Amino acid sequence: MRDLGQIRPVKYDVRDMDLLRKSLRGSNIVINLLGETFETKNFSYEDIHVNATKAIAAAAFSPRAFEE
């Protein structure tokens, strides 16, 4: 893959920064589509809408994020 216009779904955990950085490798763009209208036993609104967003942004701006 890794050609123009390719989408590569990957499994990750927003609480694991190393795994999050690894999931971004080879990407040119990161789009956060996380969002939920209810809380679960594992994630609160703040976990998804604040903490996960901050973690994704931090991983995307990490110097190691897009290394091959």
PDB file of N, CA and C in Angstrom:
ATOM      1  N   MET A   1       0.845  -1.176   0.000  1.00  0.00           N
ATOM      2  CA  MET A   1       0.000   0.000   0.000  1.00  0.00           C
ATOM      3  C   MET A   1       0.892   1.241   0.000  1.00  0.00           C
ATOM      4  N   ARG A   2       0.660   2.133   0.898  1.00  0.00           N
ATOM      5  CA  ARG A   2       1.439   3.364   1.035  1.00  0.00           C
ATOM      6  C   ARG A   2       1.578   4.140  -0.270  1.00  0.00           C
ATOM      7  N   ASP A   3       0.491   4.306  -0.947  1.00  0.00           N
ATOM      8  CA  ASP A   3       0.468   5.099  -2.157  1.00  0.00           C
ATOM      9  C   ASP A   3      -0.543   6.215  -1.945  1.00  0.00           C
ATOM     10  N   LEU A   4      -0.573   7.154  -2.826  1.00  0.00           N
ATOM     11  CA  LEU A   4      -1.458   8.303  -2.718  1.00  0.00           C
ATOM     12  C   LEU A   4      -2.905   7.858  -2.533  1.00  0.00           C
ATOM     13  N   GLY A   5      -3.555   8.405  -1.520  1.00  0.00           N
ATOM     14  CA  GLY A   5      -4.961   8.129  -1.293  1.00  0.00           C
ATOM     15  C   GLY A   5      -5.267   6.832  -0.581  1.00  0.00           C
ATOM     16  N   GLN A   6      -4.282   6.175  -0.024  1.00  0.00           N
ATOM     17  CA  GLN A   6      -4.505   4.905   0.654  1.00  0.00           C
ATOM     18  C   GLN A   6      -4.920   5.131   2.104  1.00  0.00           C
ATOM     19  N   ILE A   7      -5.820   4.317   2.571  1.00  0.00           N
ATOM     20  CA  ILE A   7      -6.254   4.329   3.970  1.00  0.00           C
ATOM     21  C   ILE A   7      -5.824   3.007   4.569  1.00  0.00           C
ATOM     22  N   ARG A   8      -5.179   3.087   5.726  1.00  0.00           N
ATOM     23  CA  ARG A   8      -4.671   1.880   6.369  1.00  0.00           C
ATOM     24  C   ARG A   8      -5.194   1.832   7.799  1.00  0.00           C
ATOM     25  N   PRO A   9      -6.289   1.112   8.043  1.00  0.00           N
ATOM     26  CA  PRO A   9      -6.795   1.005   9.411  1.00  0.00           C
ATOM     27  C   PRO A   9      -5.810   0.213  10.278  1.00  0.00           C
ATOM     28  N   VAL A  10      -5.571   0.674  11.484  1.00  0.00           N
ATOM     29  CA  VAL A  10      -4.672  -0.016  12.403  1.00  0.00           C
ATOM     30  C   VAL A  10      -5.296  -0.041  13.792  1.00  0.00           C
ATOM     31  N   LYS A  11      -4.990  -1.076  14.538  1.00  0.00           N
ATOM     32  CA  LYS A  11      -5.440  -1.156  15.929  1.00  0.00           C
ATOM     33  C   LYS A  11      -4.424  -0.447  16.804  1.00  0.00           C
ATOM     34  N   TYR A  12      -4.899   0.285  17.767  1.00  0.00           N
ATOM     35  CA  TYR A  12      -4.020   0.985  18.691  1.00  0.00           C
ATOM     36  C   TYR A  12      -4.774   1.235  19.986  1.00  0.00           C
ATOM     37  N   ASP A  13      -4.056   1.665  20.987  1.00  0.00           N
ATOM     38  CA  ASP A  13      -4.644   2.047  22.271  1.00  0.00           C
ATOM     39  C   ASP A  13      -4.165   3.457  22.557  1.00  0.00           C
ATOM     40  N   VAL A  14      -5.079   4.404  22.698  1.00  0.00           N
ATOM     41  CA  VAL A  14      -4.692   5.804  22.896  1.00  0.00           C
ATOM     42  C   VAL A  14      -3.966   6.024  24.219  1.00  0.00           C
ATOM     43  N   ARG A  15      -4.006   5.029  25.097  1.00  0.00           N
ATOM     44  CA  ARG A  15      -3.294   5.161  26.376  1.00  0.00           C
ATOM     45  C   ARG A  15      -1.861   4.643  26.294  1.00  0.00           C
ATOM     46  N   ASP A  16      -1.480   4.053  25.179  1.00  0.00           N
ATOM     47  CA  ASP A  16      -0.134   3.510  24.980  1.00  0.00           C
ATOM     48  C   ASP A  16       0.583   4.360  23.931  1.00  0.00           C
ATOM     49  N   MET A  17       1.396   5.329  24.371  1.00  0.00           N
ATOM     50  CA  MET A  17       2.024   6.293  23.473  1.00  0.00           C
ATOM     51  C   MET A  17       2.959   5.625  22.474  1.00  0.00           C
ATOM     52  N   ASP A  18       3.708   4.608  22.875  1.00  0.00           N
ATOM     53  CA  ASP A  18       4.603   3.922  21.934  1.00  0.00           C
ATOM     54  C   ASP A  18       3.807   3.230  20.826  1.00  0.00           C
ATOM     55  N   LEU A  19       2.730   2.562  21.193  1.00  0.00           N
ATOM     56  CA  LEU A  19       1.882   1.900  20.206  1.00  0.00           C
ATOM     57  C   LEU A  19       1.198   2.929  19.310  1.00  0.00           C
ATOM     58  N   LEU A  20       0.809   4.053  19.874  1.00  0.00           N
ATOM     59  CA  LEU A  20       0.185   5.123  19.096  1.00  0.00           C
ATOM     60  C   LEU A  20       1.166   5.684  18.072  1.00  0.00           C
ATOM     61  N   ARG A  21       2.405   5.947  18.496  1.00  0.00           N
ATOM     62  CA  ARG A  21       3.438   6.423  17.556  1.00  0.00           C
ATOM     63  C   ARG A  21       3.694   5.390  16.457  1.00  0.00           C
ATOM     64  N   LYS A  22       3.766   4.124  16.857  1.00  0.00           N
ATOM     65  CA  LYS A  22       4.002   3.049  15.892  1.00  0.00           C
ATOM     66  C   LYS A  22       2.869   2.975  14.866  1.00  0.00           C
ATOM     67  N   SER A  23       1.640   3.195  15.299  1.00  0.00           N
ATOM     68  CA  SER A  23       0.500   3.128  14.379  1.00  0.00           C
ATOM     69  C   SER A  23       0.509   4.282  13.374  1.00  0.00           C
ATOM     70  N   LEU A  24       1.244   5.367  13.668  1.00  0.00           N
ATOM     71  CA  LEU A  24       1.306   6.516  12.766  1.00  0.00           C
ATOM     72  C   LEU A  24       2.426   6.400  11.742  1.00  0.00           C
ATOM     73  N   ARG A  25       3.336   5.467  11.934  1.00  0.00           N
ATOM     74  CA  ARG A  25       4.459   5.328  10.999  1.00  0.00           C
ATOM     75  C   ARG A  25       3.959   5.120   9.575  1.00  0.00           C
ATOM     76  N   GLY A  26       4.583   5.811   8.657  1.00  0.00           N
ATOM     77  CA  GLY A  26       4.213   5.703   7.254  1.00  0.00           C
ATOM     78  C   GLY A  26       3.049   6.584   6.848  1.00  0.00           C
ATOM     79  N   SER A  27       2.519   7.372   7.790  1.00  0.00           N
ATOM     80  CA  SER A  27       1.379   8.242   7.488  1.00  0.00           C
ATOM     81  C   SER A  27       1.849   9.649   7.149  1.00  0.00           C
ATOM     82  N   ASN A  28       1.144  10.282   6.247  1.00  0.00           N
ATOM     83  CA  ASN A  28       1.371  11.692   5.938  1.00  0.00           C
ATOM     84  C   ASN A  28       0.375  12.577   6.669  1.00  0.00           C
ATOM     85  N   ILE A  29      -0.785  12.032   6.952  1.00  0.00           N
ATOM     86  CA  ILE A  29      -1.871  12.775   7.580  1.00  0.00           C
ATOM     87  C   ILE A  29      -2.479  11.907   8.672  1.00  0.00           C
ATOM     88  N   VAL A  30      -2.887  12.546   9.761  1.00  0.00           N
ATOM     89  CA  VAL A  30      -3.588  11.854  10.835  1.00  0.00           C
ATOM     90  C   VAL A  30      -4.914  12.582  11.046  1.00  0.00           C
ATOM     91  N   ILE A  31      -6.005  11.839  10.982  1.00  0.00           N
ATOM     92  CA  ILE A  31      -7.333  12.412  11.198  1.00  0.00           C
ATOM     93  C   ILE A  31      -7.949  11.718  12.397  1.00  0.00           C
ATOM     94  N   ASN A  32      -8.294  12.490  13.401  1.00  0.00           N
ATOM     95  CA  ASN A  32      -8.920  11.946  14.603  1.00  0.00           C
ATOM     96  C   ASN A  32     -10.429  11.923  14.398  1.00  0.00           C
ATOM     97  N   LEU A  33     -10.983  10.731  14.284  1.00  0.00           N
ATOM     98  CA  LEU A  33     -12.424  10.572  14.138  1.00  0.00           C
ATOM     99  C   LEU A  33     -13.058   9.969  15.387  1.00  0.00           C
ATOM    100  N   LEU A  34     -12.316   9.990  16.483  1.00  0.00           N
ATOM    101  CA  LEU A  34     -12.874   9.473  17.731  1.00  0.00           C
ATOM    102  C   LEU A  34     -13.955  10.415  18.234  1.00  0.00           C
ATOM    103  N   GLY A  35     -14.988   9.843  18.725  1.00  0.00           N
ATOM    104  CA  GLY A  35     -16.068  10.625  19.306  1.00  0.00           C
ATOM    105  C   GLY A  35     -17.144   9.667  19.780  1.00  0.00           C
ATOM    106  N   GLU A  36     -17.745   9.993  20.871  1.00  0.00           N
ATOM    107  CA  GLU A  36     -18.761   9.109  21.417  1.00  0.00           C
ATOM    108  C   GLU A  36     -19.821   9.952  22.106  1.00  0.00           C
ATOM    109  N   THR A  37     -21.040   9.485  22.065  1.00  0.00           N
ATOM    110  CA  THR A  37     -22.146  10.210  22.692  1.00  0.00           C
ATOM    111  C   THR A  37     -22.516   9.624  24.048  1.00  0.00           C
ATOM    112  N   PHE A  38     -21.772   8.615  24.486  1.00  0.00           N
ATOM    113  CA  PHE A  38     -22.020   8.036  25.802  1.00  0.00           C
ATOM    114  C   PHE A  38     -20.702   7.532  26.385  1.00  0.00           C
ATOM    115  N   GLU A  39     -20.645   7.456  27.702  1.00  0.00           N
ATOM    116  CA  GLU A  39     -19.460   6.932  28.372  1.00  0.00           C
ATOM    117  C   GLU A  39     -19.572   5.421  28.473  1.00  0.00           C
ATOM    118  N   THR A  40     -18.412   4.754  28.544  1.00  0.00           N
ATOM    119  CA  THR A  40     -18.389   3.310  28.731  1.00  0.00           C
ATOM    120  C   THR A  40     -17.651   3.002  30.025  1.00  0.00           C
ATOM    121  N   LYS A  41     -17.570   1.738  30.374  1.00  0.00           N
ATOM    122  CA  LYS A  41     -16.846   1.375  31.589  1.00  0.00           C
ATOM    123  C   LYS A  41     -15.343   1.612  31.445  1.00  0.00           C
ATOM    124  N   ASN A  42     -14.850   1.665  30.204  1.00  0.00           N
ATOM    125  CA  ASN A  42     -13.421   1.864  29.969  1.00  0.00           C
ATOM    126  C   ASN A  42     -13.039   3.298  29.643  1.00  0.00           C
ATOM    127  N   PHE A  43     -13.964   4.086  29.103  1.00  0.00           N
ATOM    128  CA  PHE A  43     -13.644   5.439  28.657  1.00  0.00           C
ATOM    129  C   PHE A  43     -14.738   6.428  29.049  1.00  0.00           C
ATOM    130  N   SER A  44     -14.319   7.515  29.672  1.00  0.00           N
ATOM    131  CA  SER A  44     -15.242   8.604  29.982  1.00  0.00           C
ATOM    132  C   SER A  44     -15.240   9.588  28.815  1.00  0.00           C
ATOM    133  N   TYR A  45     -16.119  10.585  28.873  1.00  0.00           N
ATOM    134  CA  TYR A  45     -16.107  11.630  27.846  1.00  0.00           C
ATOM    135  C   TYR A  45     -14.744  12.307  27.789  1.00  0.00           C
ATOM    136  N   GLU A  46     -14.195  12.599  28.968  1.00  0.00           N
ATOM    137  CA  GLU A  46     -12.893  13.272  29.015  1.00  0.00           C
ATOM    138  C   GLU A  46     -11.784  12.396  28.424  1.00  0.00           C
ATOM    139  N   ASP A  47     -11.849  11.103  28.671  1.00  0.00           N
ATOM    140  CA  ASP A  47     -10.853  10.190  28.091  1.00  0.00           C
ATOM    141  C   ASP A  47     -10.838  10.280  26.571  1.00  0.00           C
ATOM    142  N   ILE A  48     -12.013  10.275  25.965  1.00  0.00           N
ATOM    143  CA  ILE A  48     -12.108  10.273  24.497  1.00  0.00           C
ATOM    144  C   ILE A  48     -11.905  11.657  23.907  1.00  0.00           C
ATOM    145  N   HIS A  49     -12.652  12.632  24.407  1.00  0.00           N
ATOM    146  CA  HIS A  49     -12.677  13.953  23.766  1.00  0.00           C
ATOM    147  C   HIS A  49     -11.521  14.857  24.165  1.00  0.00           C
ATOM    148  N   VAL A  50     -10.872  14.582  25.277  1.00  0.00           N
ATOM    149  CA  VAL A  50      -9.756  15.429  25.726  1.00  0.00           C
ATOM    150  C   VAL A  50      -8.448  14.645  25.724  1.00  0.00           C
ATOM    151  N   ASN A  51      -8.361  13.614  26.536  1.00  0.00           N
ATOM    152  CA  ASN A  51      -7.102  12.882  26.701  1.00  0.00           C
ATOM    153  C   ASN A  51      -6.656  12.174  25.419  1.00  0.00           C
ATOM    154  N   ALA A  52      -7.577  11.503  24.744  1.00  0.00           N
ATOM    155  CA  ALA A  52      -7.209  10.801  23.506  1.00  0.00           C
ATOM    156  C   ALA A  52      -6.804  11.786  22.420  1.00  0.00           C
ATOM    157  N   THR A  53      -7.508  12.900  22.331  1.00  0.00           N
ATOM    158  CA  THR A  53      -7.173  13.924  21.339  1.00  0.00           C
ATOM    159  C   THR A  53      -5.782  14.491  21.593  1.00  0.00           C
ATOM    160  N   LYS A  54      -5.478  14.764  22.845  1.00  0.00           N
ATOM    161  CA  LYS A  54      -4.134  15.260  23.193  1.00  0.00           C
ATOM    162  C   LYS A  54      -3.062  14.222  22.869  1.00  0.00           C
ATOM    163  N   ALA A  55      -3.338  12.962  23.172  1.00  0.00           N
ATOM    164  CA  ALA A  55      -2.359  11.899  22.912  1.00  0.00           C
ATOM    165  C   ALA A  55      -2.107  11.731  21.418  1.00  0.00           C
ATOM    166  N   ILE A  56      -3.162  11.766  20.613  1.00  0.00           N
ATOM    167  CA  ILE A  56      -3.011  11.636  19.160  1.00  0.00           C
ATOM    168  C   ILE A  56      -2.214  12.812  18.607  1.00  0.00           C
ATOM    169  N   ALA A  57      -2.531  14.009  19.064  1.00  0.00           N
ATOM    170  CA  ALA A  57      -1.795  15.198  18.603  1.00  0.00           C
ATOM    171  C   ALA A  57      -0.331  15.120  19.013  1.00  0.00           C
ATOM    172  N   ALA A  58      -0.062  14.718  20.244  1.00  0.00           N
ATOM    173  CA  ALA A  58       1.322  14.613  20.719  1.00  0.00           C
ATOM    174  C   ALA A  58       2.091  13.563  19.921  1.00  0.00           C
ATOM    175  N   ALA A  59       1.463  12.440  19.646  1.00  0.00           N
ATOM    176  CA  ALA A  59       2.122  11.381  18.873  1.00  0.00           C
ATOM    177  C   ALA A  59       2.373  11.841  17.440  1.00  0.00           C
ATOM    178  N   ALA A  60       1.425  12.588  16.877  1.00  0.00           N
ATOM    179  CA  ALA A  60       1.581  13.068  15.502  1.00  0.00           C
ATOM    180  C   ALA A  60       2.704  14.094  15.390  1.00  0.00           C
ATOM    181  N   PHE A  61       2.915  14.878  16.439  1.00  0.00           N
ATOM    182  CA  PHE A  61       3.964  15.888  16.411  1.00  0.00           C
ATOM    183  C   PHE A  61       5.291  15.375  16.937  1.00  0.00           C
ATOM    184  N   SER A  62       5.335  14.099  17.338  1.00  0.00           N
ATOM    185  CA  SER A  62       6.564  13.491  17.820  1.00  0.00           C
ATOM    186  C   SER A  62       7.536  13.351  16.659  1.00  0.00           C
ATOM    187  N   PRO A  63       8.809  13.673  16.859  1.00  0.00           N
ATOM    188  CA  PRO A  63       9.784  13.516  15.782  1.00  0.00           C
ATOM    189  C   PRO A  63       9.894  12.091  15.261  1.00  0.00           C
ATOM    190  N   ARG A  64       9.561  11.100  16.094  1.00  0.00           N
ATOM    191  CA  ARG A  64       9.650   9.702  15.674  1.00  0.00           C
ATOM    192  C   ARG A  64       8.395   9.184  15.014  1.00  0.00           C
ATOM    193  N   ALA A  65       7.329   9.967  15.008  1.00  0.00           N
ATOM    194  CA  ALA A  65       6.035   9.458  14.582  1.00  0.00           C
ATOM    195  C   ALA A  65       6.017   8.941  13.153  1.00  0.00           C
ATOM    196  N   PHE A  66       6.643   9.649  12.235  1.00  0.00           N
ATOM    197  CA  PHE A  66       6.491   9.299  10.827  1.00  0.00           C
ATOM    198  C   PHE A  66       7.730   8.659  10.224  1.00  0.00           C
ATOM    199  N   GLU A  67       8.647   8.227  11.077  1.00  0.00           N
ATOM    200  CA  GLU A  67       9.838   7.526  10.574  1.00  0.00           C
ATOM    201  C   GLU A  67       9.423   6.178  10.017  1.00  0.00           C
ATOM    202  N   GLU A  68      10.083   5.767   8.985  1.00  0.00           N
ATOM    203  CA  GLU A  68       9.821   4.449   8.385  1.00  0.00           C
ATOM    204  C   GLU A  68      10.590   3.399   9.144  1.00  0.00           C
TER     205      GLU A  68
END
